Amino acid sequence: MNTNDFLDNRDYNNKITNLIHQFSLKQESHPGLTKLWINYLTLKQKKLNDLIDQATHTIENISTTNDVSVANVLTMSILYDSKFI
């Protein structure tokens, strides 16, 4: 991953933060709609940051870990989504 990728990720984060701020400025006139959007954007921003953290962790540790098959990745994903792990 190169430096530009991290800059792009920060740019998305800044855009989301800016949108949240813009919605907060409209709360008085549109409290329901702004609350919905602020909550939605906040959740998406957290998920994006978590995804970036997970990917960064993987990149940092990939050289010390054996590779896994696509089948194993799919199995782990299914188990994770099913809350078994």
C-alpha atoms as a PDB file:
ATOM      1  CA  MET A   1       0.000   0.000   0.000  1.00  0.00           C
ATOM      2  CA  ASN A   2       1.450   3.351  -0.910  1.00  0.00           C
ATOM      3  CA  THR A   3       1.203   6.718   0.802  1.00  0.00           C
ATOM      4  CA  ASN A   4      -1.456   7.955  -1.618  1.00  0.00           C
ATOM      5  CA  ASP A   5      -3.830   5.203  -0.451  1.00  0.00           C
ATOM      6  CA  PHE A   6      -3.631   6.455   3.112  1.00  0.00           C
ATOM      7  CA  LEU A   7      -4.196  10.013   1.940  1.00  0.00           C
ATOM      8  CA  ASP A   8      -7.292   8.882   0.040  1.00  0.00           C
ATOM      9  CA  ASN A   9      -8.610   7.130   3.162  1.00  0.00           C
ATOM     10  CA  ARG A  10      -8.091  10.270   5.230  1.00  0.00           C
ATOM     11  CA  ASP A  11      -9.837  12.226   2.507  1.00  0.00           C
ATOM     12  CA  TYR A  12     -12.900   9.961   2.777  1.00  0.00           C
ATOM     13  CA  ASN A  13     -12.817  10.318   6.543  1.00  0.00           C
ATOM     14  CA  ASN A  14     -12.650  14.102   6.228  1.00  0.00           C
ATOM     15  CA  LYS A  15     -15.517  14.100   3.730  1.00  0.00           C
ATOM     16  CA  ILE A  16     -17.682  12.040   6.065  1.00  0.00           C
ATOM     17  CA  THR A  17     -16.798  14.282   9.017  1.00  0.00           C
ATOM     18  CA  ASN A  18     -17.633  17.326   6.917  1.00  0.00           C
ATOM     19  CA  LEU A  19     -20.991  15.845   5.910  1.00  0.00           C
ATOM     20  CA  ILE A  20     -21.810  15.076   9.550  1.00  0.00           C
ATOM     21  CA  HIS A  21     -20.989  18.689  10.415  1.00  0.00           C
ATOM     22  CA  GLN A  22     -23.148  20.009   7.563  1.00  0.00           C
ATOM     23  CA  PHE A  23     -26.087  17.883   8.710  1.00  0.00           C
ATOM     24  CA  SER A  24     -25.616  19.068  12.304  1.00  0.00           C
ATOM     25  CA  LEU A  25     -26.051  22.658  11.066  1.00  0.00           C
ATOM     26  CA  LYS A  26     -29.528  21.711   9.756  1.00  0.00           C
ATOM     27  CA  GLN A  27     -30.718  19.945  12.923  1.00  0.00           C
ATOM     28  CA  GLU A  28     -33.011  22.738  14.045  1.00  0.00           C
ATOM     29  CA  SER A  29     -35.080  22.776  10.859  1.00  0.00           C
ATOM     30  CA  HIS A  30     -34.902  19.026  10.051  1.00  0.00           C
ATOM     31  CA  PRO A  31     -34.189  17.091  13.270  1.00  0.00           C
ATOM     32  CA  GLY A  32     -35.450  13.701  12.076  1.00  0.00           C
ATOM     33  CA  LEU A  33     -33.681  13.643   8.733  1.00  0.00           C
ATOM     34  CA  THR A  34     -30.420  15.020  10.110  1.00  0.00           C
ATOM     35  CA  LYS A  35     -30.398  12.562  13.019  1.00  0.00           C
ATOM     36  CA  LEU A  36     -30.878   9.679  10.594  1.00  0.00           C
ATOM     37  CA  TRP A  37     -28.026  10.823   8.350  1.00  0.00           C
ATOM     38  CA  ILE A  38     -25.666  11.699  11.200  1.00  0.00           C
ATOM     39  CA  ASN A  39     -26.173   8.259  12.771  1.00  0.00           C
ATOM     40  CA  TYR A  40     -25.790   6.488   9.414  1.00  0.00           C
ATOM     41  CA  LEU A  41     -22.621   8.383   8.493  1.00  0.00           C
ATOM     42  CA  THR A  42     -21.140   7.902  11.962  1.00  0.00           C
ATOM     43  CA  LEU A  43     -21.656   4.133  11.737  1.00  0.00           C
ATOM     44  CA  LYS A  44     -20.199   3.974   8.224  1.00  0.00           C
ATOM     45  CA  GLN A  45     -17.198   6.060   9.294  1.00  0.00           C
ATOM     46  CA  LYS A  46     -16.530   3.703  12.206  1.00  0.00           C
ATOM     47  CA  LYS A  47     -16.805   0.667   9.930  1.00  0.00           C
ATOM     48  CA  LEU A  48     -14.452   2.279   7.417  1.00  0.00           C
ATOM     49  CA  ASN A  49     -11.917   3.053  10.152  1.00  0.00           C
ATOM     50  CA  ASP A  50     -12.197  -0.494  11.515  1.00  0.00           C
ATOM     51  CA  LEU A  51     -11.671  -1.903   8.024  1.00  0.00           C
ATOM     52  CA  ILE A  52      -8.597   0.288   7.513  1.00  0.00           C
ATOM     53  CA  ASP A  53      -7.226  -0.837  10.898  1.00  0.00           C
ATOM     54  CA  GLN A  54      -7.796  -4.508  10.033  1.00  0.00           C
ATOM     55  CA  ALA A  55      -6.166  -4.147   6.625  1.00  0.00           C
ATOM     56  CA  THR A  56      -3.211  -2.276   8.122  1.00  0.00           C
ATOM     57  CA  HIS A  57      -2.772  -4.989  10.752  1.00  0.00           C
ATOM     58  CA  THR A  58      -2.852  -7.652   8.030  1.00  0.00           C
ATOM     59  CA  ILE A  59      -0.277  -5.821   5.905  1.00  0.00           C
ATOM     60  CA  GLU A  60       2.008  -5.425   8.930  1.00  0.00           C
ATOM     61  CA  ASN A  61       1.797  -9.127   9.820  1.00  0.00           C
ATOM     62  CA  ILE A  62       1.512 -10.783   6.422  1.00  0.00           C
ATOM     63  CA  SER A  63       5.202 -11.653   6.186  1.00  0.00           C
ATOM     64  CA  THR A  64       5.073 -13.676   9.433  1.00  0.00           C
ATOM     65  CA  THR A  65       1.898 -15.616   8.610  1.00  0.00           C
ATOM     66  CA  ASN A  66       1.333 -18.590   6.333  1.00  0.00           C
ATOM     67  CA  ASP A  67      -0.995 -18.074   3.400  1.00  0.00           C
ATOM     68  CA  VAL A  68      -4.550 -19.428   3.547  1.00  0.00           C
ATOM     69  CA  SER A  69      -6.672 -20.865   0.778  1.00  0.00           C
ATOM     70  CA  VAL A  70      -9.671 -19.059  -0.643  1.00  0.00           C
ATOM     71  CA  ALA A  71     -11.847 -21.865   0.740  1.00  0.00           C
ATOM     72  CA  ASN A  72     -10.504 -21.226   4.250  1.00  0.00           C
ATOM     73  CA  VAL A  73     -11.117 -17.488   3.901  1.00  0.00           C
ATOM     74  CA  LEU A  74     -14.702 -18.142   2.808  1.00  0.00           C
ATOM     75  CA  THR A  75     -15.222 -20.564   5.697  1.00  0.00           C
ATOM     76  CA  MET A  76     -13.861 -18.054   8.203  1.00  0.00           C
ATOM     77  CA  SER A  77     -16.068 -15.349   6.724  1.00  0.00           C
ATOM     78  CA  ILE A  78     -19.175 -17.527   6.967  1.00  0.00           C
ATOM     79  CA  LEU A  79     -18.344 -18.500  10.545  1.00  0.00           C
ATOM     80  CA  TYR A  80     -17.691 -14.877  11.473  1.00  0.00           C
ATOM     81  CA  ASP A  81     -20.955 -13.718   9.907  1.00  0.00           C
ATOM     82  CA  SER A  82     -22.771 -16.511  11.752  1.00  0.00           C
ATOM     83  CA  LYS A  83     -21.213 -15.311  15.023  1.00  0.00           C
ATOM     84  CA  PHE A  84     -19.523 -18.673  15.620  1.00  0.00           C
ATOM     85  CA  ILE A  85     -16.147 -16.961  16.002  1.00  0.00           C
END
